[in-house]
């Protein structure tokens, strides 16, 4: 059975948790006070938090898009639009100066561990894709959790993509604006 708890404040201290990209993004964009409070607790060592390279890459991508949008280089948060602008002006990336800083700061959190992602994970997570009907990125997250020793069963996410997976406890922010 999957437990879904819509209150990050109820997550017991010293829990081991996998954090999905959207939690960091909601915090960094000021869209969820509970995500910010949760990550502050991670910073204080209240939880041992895990991510994989895919989470970090996705976050960097979203932050780059957000900065391009904020600076008016694109009219909506769309990778297609940013790519089109970059094709016209490759120097545009030099004007995106802030998006990498939040990621660098997150990587300094002492209680945030980056799980290894070997190339074999891309193939072996076909099991998760087939069994649970997941997209590739989500299967990499679940595969990283499943292959950790011991397996991680707490997932902090705003997505509903994992709610059908037996054995997980999904912790969600309750205040996204």
C-alpha atoms as a PDB file:
ATOM      1  CA  UNK A   1       0.000   0.000   0.000  1.00  0.00           C
ATOM      2  CA  UNK A   2       1.133   3.562  -0.705  1.00  0.00           C
ATOM      3  CA  UNK A   3       0.775   6.148   2.024  1.00  0.00           C
ATOM      4  CA  UNK A   4       0.265   9.712   0.812  1.00  0.00           C
ATOM      5  CA  UNK A   5       0.772  12.375   3.444  1.00  0.00           C
ATOM      6  CA  UNK A   6      -0.058  15.925   2.437  1.00  0.00           C
ATOM      7  CA  UNK A   7       1.937  17.514   5.228  1.00  0.00           C
ATOM      8  CA  UNK A   8       5.722  17.735   5.137  1.00  0.00           C
ATOM      9  CA  UNK A   9       5.699  18.842   8.771  1.00  0.00           C
ATOM     10  CA  UNK A  10       4.680  15.312   9.804  1.00  0.00           C
ATOM     11  CA  UNK A  11       7.810  13.702   8.361  1.00  0.00           C
ATOM     12  CA  UNK A  12       9.613  12.155  11.355  1.00  0.00           C
ATOM     13  CA  UNK A  13      13.062  13.530  12.128  1.00  0.00           C
ATOM     14  CA  UNK A  14      16.025  11.415  11.040  1.00  0.00           C
ATOM     15  CA  UNK A  15      14.012   9.917   8.177  1.00  0.00           C
ATOM     16  CA  UNK A  16      15.897   8.994   5.032  1.00  0.00           C
ATOM     17  CA  UNK A  17      14.127  10.602   2.060  1.00  0.00           C
ATOM     18  CA  UNK A  18      14.511  10.928  -1.684  1.00  0.00           C
ATOM     19  CA  UNK A  19      13.675  14.448  -2.871  1.00  0.00           C
ATOM     20  CA  UNK A  20      12.131  15.055  -6.275  1.00  0.00           C
ATOM     21  CA  UNK A  21      13.096  18.052  -8.409  1.00  0.00           C
ATOM     22  CA  UNK A  22       9.821  19.877  -7.882  1.00  0.00           C
ATOM     23  CA  UNK A  23      10.413  20.285  -4.131  1.00  0.00           C
ATOM     24  CA  UNK A  24      13.615  22.248  -4.731  1.00  0.00           C
ATOM     25  CA  UNK A  25      11.984  24.237  -7.523  1.00  0.00           C
ATOM     26  CA  UNK A  26       8.929  25.144  -5.425  1.00  0.00           C
ATOM     27  CA  UNK A  27      11.256  26.313  -2.662  1.00  0.00           C
ATOM     28  CA  UNK A  28      13.528  28.337  -4.936  1.00  0.00           C
ATOM     29  CA  UNK A  29      10.594  29.980  -6.728  1.00  0.00           C
ATOM     30  CA  UNK A  30       8.891  30.875  -3.420  1.00  0.00           C
ATOM     31  CA  UNK A  31       5.852  28.729  -4.211  1.00  0.00           C
ATOM     32  CA  UNK A  32       5.725  26.650  -1.006  1.00  0.00           C
ATOM     33  CA  UNK A  33       6.608  27.650   2.523  1.00  0.00           C
ATOM     34  CA  UNK A  34       6.489  24.001   3.620  1.00  0.00           C
ATOM     35  CA  UNK A  35       9.106  23.079   0.976  1.00  0.00           C
ATOM     36  CA  UNK A  36      11.337  25.877   2.266  1.00  0.00           C
ATOM     37  CA  UNK A  37      10.874  24.762   5.885  1.00  0.00           C
ATOM     38  CA  UNK A  38      11.558  21.146   4.915  1.00  0.00           C
ATOM     39  CA  UNK A  39      14.791  22.063   3.111  1.00  0.00           C
ATOM     40  CA  UNK A  40      15.850  24.193   6.066  1.00  0.00           C
ATOM     41  CA  UNK A  41      15.447  21.068   8.219  1.00  0.00           C
ATOM     42  CA  UNK A  42      17.528  19.108   5.702  1.00  0.00           C
ATOM     43  CA  UNK A  43      20.185  21.810   6.049  1.00  0.00           C
ATOM     44  CA  UNK A  44      20.107  21.394   9.845  1.00  0.00           C
ATOM     45  CA  UNK A  45      20.532  17.627   9.535  1.00  0.00           C
ATOM     46  CA  UNK A  46      17.021  16.688  10.657  1.00  0.00           C
ATOM     47  CA  UNK A  47      16.736  14.343   7.673  1.00  0.00           C
ATOM     48  CA  UNK A  48      19.185  12.446   5.529  1.00  0.00           C
ATOM     49  CA  UNK A  49      18.159  13.458   2.031  1.00  0.00           C
ATOM     50  CA  UNK A  50      19.020  11.839  -1.275  1.00  0.00           C
ATOM     51  CA  UNK A  51      18.827  12.905  -4.896  1.00  0.00           C
ATOM     52  CA  UNK A  52      20.321  11.558  -8.085  1.00  0.00           C
ATOM     53  CA  UNK A  53      22.049  13.301 -10.970  1.00  0.00           C
ATOM     54  CA  UNK A  54      18.754  13.417 -12.883  1.00  0.00           C
ATOM     55  CA  UNK A  55      17.105  15.499 -10.129  1.00  0.00           C
ATOM     56  CA  UNK A  56      19.991  17.967 -10.197  1.00  0.00           C
ATOM     57  CA  UNK A  57      20.067  18.172 -13.986  1.00  0.00           C
ATOM     58  CA  UNK A  58      16.298  18.723 -14.159  1.00  0.00           C
ATOM     59  CA  UNK A  59      16.518  21.423 -11.504  1.00  0.00           C
ATOM     60  CA  UNK A  60      19.319  23.249 -13.324  1.00  0.00           C
ATOM     61  CA  UNK A  61      17.266  23.099 -16.529  1.00  0.00           C
ATOM     62  CA  UNK A  62      14.182  24.556 -14.804  1.00  0.00           C
ATOM     63  CA  UNK A  63      16.206  27.292 -13.149  1.00  0.00           C
ATOM     64  CA  UNK A  64      17.767  28.278 -16.479  1.00  0.00           C
ATOM     65  CA  UNK A  65      14.314  28.494 -18.055  1.00  0.00           C
ATOM     66  CA  UNK A  66      12.991  30.537 -15.138  1.00  0.00           C
ATOM     67  CA  UNK A  67      15.824  33.046 -15.381  1.00  0.00           C
ATOM     68  CA  UNK A  68      15.405  33.367 -19.146  1.00  0.00           C
ATOM     69  CA  UNK A  69      11.702  33.982 -18.607  1.00  0.00           C
ATOM     70  CA  UNK A  70      12.301  36.511 -15.803  1.00  0.00           C
ATOM     71  CA  UNK A  71      14.741  38.426 -17.999  1.00  0.00           C
ATOM     72  CA  UNK A  72      12.237  38.499 -20.867  1.00  0.00           C
ATOM     73  CA  UNK A  73      14.293  36.332 -23.232  1.00  0.00           C
ATOM     74  CA  UNK A  74      11.339  33.959 -23.624  1.00  0.00           C
ATOM     75  CA  UNK A  75       7.618  34.672 -23.317  1.00  0.00           C
ATOM     76  CA  UNK A  76       6.738  31.457 -21.481  1.00  0.00           C
ATOM     77  CA  UNK A  77       8.530  28.737 -19.521  1.00  0.00           C
ATOM     78  CA  UNK A  78       9.239  26.521 -22.486  1.00  0.00           C
ATOM     79  CA  UNK A  79      12.450  24.732 -23.380  1.00  0.00           C
ATOM     80  CA  UNK A  80      11.432  24.938 -27.042  1.00  0.00           C
ATOM     81  CA  UNK A  81      11.250  28.721 -26.831  1.00  0.00           C
ATOM     82  CA  UNK A  82      14.601  29.012 -25.098  1.00  0.00           C
ATOM     83  CA  UNK A  83      16.219  26.686 -27.621  1.00  0.00           C
ATOM     84  CA  UNK A  84      14.872  28.839 -30.464  1.00  0.00           C
ATOM     85  CA  UNK A  85      16.307  31.962 -28.833  1.00  0.00           C
ATOM     86  CA  UNK A  86      19.668  30.266 -28.324  1.00  0.00           C
ATOM     87  CA  UNK A  87      19.761  29.256 -31.985  1.00  0.00           C
ATOM     88  CA  UNK A  88      19.389  32.952 -32.858  1.00  0.00           C
ATOM     89  CA  UNK A  89      21.847  34.184 -30.238  1.00  0.00           C
ATOM     90  CA  UNK A  90      24.285  31.682 -28.710  1.00  0.00           C
ATOM     91  CA  UNK A  91      25.700  34.424 -26.495  1.00  0.00           C
ATOM     92  CA  UNK A  92      22.419  34.621 -24.623  1.00  0.00           C
ATOM     93  CA  UNK A  93      23.639  32.052 -22.093  1.00  0.00           C
ATOM     94  CA  UNK A  94      26.271  34.531 -20.896  1.00  0.00           C
ATOM     95  CA  UNK A  95      23.412  36.819 -19.849  1.00  0.00           C
ATOM     96  CA  UNK A  96      21.892  34.046 -17.713  1.00  0.00           C
ATOM     97  CA  UNK A  97      24.066  34.587 -14.675  1.00  0.00           C
ATOM     98  CA  UNK A  98      22.054  33.465 -11.656  1.00  0.00           C
ATOM     99  CA  UNK A  99      20.457  30.080 -12.357  1.00  0.00           C
ATOM    100  CA  UNK A 100      23.456  27.974 -11.352  1.00  0.00           C
ATOM    101  CA  UNK A 101      24.007  29.610  -7.949  1.00  0.00           C
ATOM    102  CA  UNK A 102      21.027  27.980  -6.161  1.00  0.00           C
ATOM    103  CA  UNK A 103      22.127  24.543  -7.357  1.00  0.00           C
ATOM    104  CA  UNK A 104      25.680  25.132  -6.127  1.00  0.00           C
ATOM    105  CA  UNK A 105      24.266  26.172  -2.738  1.00  0.00           C
ATOM    106  CA  UNK A 106      22.054  23.056  -2.536  1.00  0.00           C
ATOM    107  CA  UNK A 107      25.062  20.862  -3.227  1.00  0.00           C
ATOM    108  CA  UNK A 108      26.681  22.297  -0.097  1.00  0.00           C
ATOM    109  CA  UNK A 109      23.946  20.942   2.183  1.00  0.00           C
ATOM    110  CA  UNK A 110      25.727  18.463   4.474  1.00  0.00           C
ATOM    111  CA  UNK A 111      22.700  16.154   4.734  1.00  0.00           C
ATOM    112  CA  UNK A 112      22.077  15.969   0.972  1.00  0.00           C
ATOM    113  CA  UNK A 113      23.593  12.906  -0.653  1.00  0.00           C
ATOM    114  CA  UNK A 114      23.833  12.423  -4.408  1.00  0.00           C
ATOM    115  CA  UNK A 115      23.198   8.798  -5.295  1.00  0.00           C
ATOM    116  CA  UNK A 116      25.387   7.293  -8.004  1.00  0.00           C
ATOM    117  CA  UNK A 117      23.856   6.756 -11.424  1.00  0.00           C
ATOM    118  CA  UNK A 118      25.760   4.207 -13.419  1.00  0.00           C
ATOM    119  CA  UNK A 119      24.908   3.782 -17.118  1.00  0.00           C
ATOM    120  CA  UNK A 120      23.472   0.364 -16.277  1.00  0.00           C
ATOM    121  CA  UNK A 121      20.702   2.115 -14.322  1.00  0.00           C
ATOM    122  CA  UNK A 122      19.275   3.355 -17.620  1.00  0.00           C
ATOM    123  CA  UNK A 123      18.761  -0.227 -18.704  1.00  0.00           C
ATOM    124  CA  UNK A 124      17.926  -1.869 -15.397  1.00  0.00           C
ATOM    125  CA  UNK A 125      15.135   0.611 -14.614  1.00  0.00           C
ATOM    126  CA  UNK A 126      13.135  -0.857 -17.484  1.00  0.00           C
ATOM    127  CA  UNK A 127      11.859  -3.074 -14.681  1.00  0.00           C
ATOM    128  CA  UNK A 128      10.345  -0.036 -12.901  1.00  0.00           C
ATOM    129  CA  UNK A 129       9.012   1.389 -16.178  1.00  0.00           C
ATOM    130  CA  UNK A 130       7.305  -1.883 -17.067  1.00  0.00           C
ATOM    131  CA  UNK A 131       6.018  -2.748 -13.607  1.00  0.00           C
ATOM    132  CA  UNK A 132       4.657   0.690 -12.723  1.00  0.00           C
ATOM    133  CA  UNK A 133       4.098   2.384 -16.081  1.00  0.00           C
ATOM    134  CA  UNK A 134       6.588   5.179 -15.405  1.00  0.00           C
ATOM    135  CA  UNK A 135       8.288   7.636 -17.692  1.00  0.00           C
ATOM    136  CA  UNK A 136      12.078   7.353 -17.899  1.00  0.00           C
ATOM    137  CA  UNK A 137      12.948  10.107 -15.415  1.00  0.00           C
ATOM    138  CA  UNK A 138      10.539   8.794 -12.778  1.00  0.00           C
ATOM    139  CA  UNK A 139      11.845   5.266 -13.261  1.00  0.00           C
ATOM    140  CA  UNK A 140      15.388   6.547 -12.659  1.00  0.00           C
ATOM    141  CA  UNK A 141      14.241   8.126  -9.394  1.00  0.00           C
ATOM    142  CA  UNK A 142      12.467   4.968  -8.250  1.00  0.00           C
ATOM    143  CA  UNK A 143      15.368   2.829  -9.457  1.00  0.00           C
ATOM    144  CA  UNK A 144      17.829   4.948  -7.484  1.00  0.00           C
ATOM    145  CA  UNK A 145      15.641   4.561  -4.412  1.00  0.00           C
ATOM    146  CA  UNK A 146      15.226   0.804  -4.895  1.00  0.00           C
ATOM    147  CA  UNK A 147      18.936   0.184  -5.427  1.00  0.00           C
ATOM    148  CA  UNK A 148      20.042   2.108  -2.361  1.00  0.00           C
ATOM    149  CA  UNK A 149      20.953  -0.090   0.604  1.00  0.00           C
ATOM    150  CA  UNK A 150      18.611  -0.208   2.386  1.00  0.00           C
ATOM    151  CA  UNK A 151      16.013   0.841  -0.195  1.00  0.00           C
ATOM    152  CA  UNK A 152      14.553   4.298   0.304  1.00  0.00           C
ATOM    153  CA  UNK A 153      10.799   4.272   0.858  1.00  0.00           C
ATOM    154  CA  UNK A 154      10.152   7.940   1.705  1.00  0.00           C
ATOM    155  CA  UNK A 155       9.675  10.183  -1.314  1.00  0.00           C
ATOM    156  CA  UNK A 156       9.180  13.939  -1.023  1.00  0.00           C
ATOM    157  CA  UNK A 157       7.453  15.118  -4.201  1.00  0.00           C
ATOM    158  CA  UNK A 158       4.637  17.264  -5.512  1.00  0.00           C
ATOM    159  CA  UNK A 159       3.963  14.820  -8.370  1.00  0.00           C
ATOM    160  CA  UNK A 160       1.196  12.256  -8.381  1.00  0.00           C
ATOM    161  CA  UNK A 161       3.215   9.948 -10.659  1.00  0.00           C
ATOM    162  CA  UNK A 162       4.334   7.694  -7.787  1.00  0.00           C
ATOM    163  CA  UNK A 163       1.057   7.373  -5.887  1.00  0.00           C
ATOM    164  CA  UNK A 164       0.270   3.905  -7.250  1.00  0.00           C
ATOM    165  CA  UNK A 165       3.579   2.354  -6.172  1.00  0.00           C
ATOM    166  CA  UNK A 166       3.144  -0.031  -3.276  1.00  0.00           C
ATOM    167  CA  UNK A 167       5.601   0.341  -0.426  1.00  0.00           C
ATOM    168  CA  UNK A 168       6.297   4.052  -0.755  1.00  0.00           C
ATOM    169  CA  UNK A 169       5.385   6.786   1.652  1.00  0.00           C
ATOM    170  CA  UNK A 170       4.884   9.952  -0.322  1.00  0.00           C
ATOM    171  CA  UNK A 171       5.278  13.250   1.481  1.00  0.00           C
ATOM    172  CA  UNK A 172       3.745  16.258  -0.258  1.00  0.00           C
ATOM    173  CA  UNK A 173       3.712  19.976   0.417  1.00  0.00           C
ATOM    174  CA  UNK A 174       0.293  21.225   1.398  1.00  0.00           C
ATOM    175  CA  UNK A 175       0.635  24.889   0.513  1.00  0.00           C
ATOM    176  CA  UNK A 176       1.737  25.249  -3.108  1.00  0.00           C
ATOM    177  CA  UNK A 177       0.685  28.564  -4.627  1.00  0.00           C
END
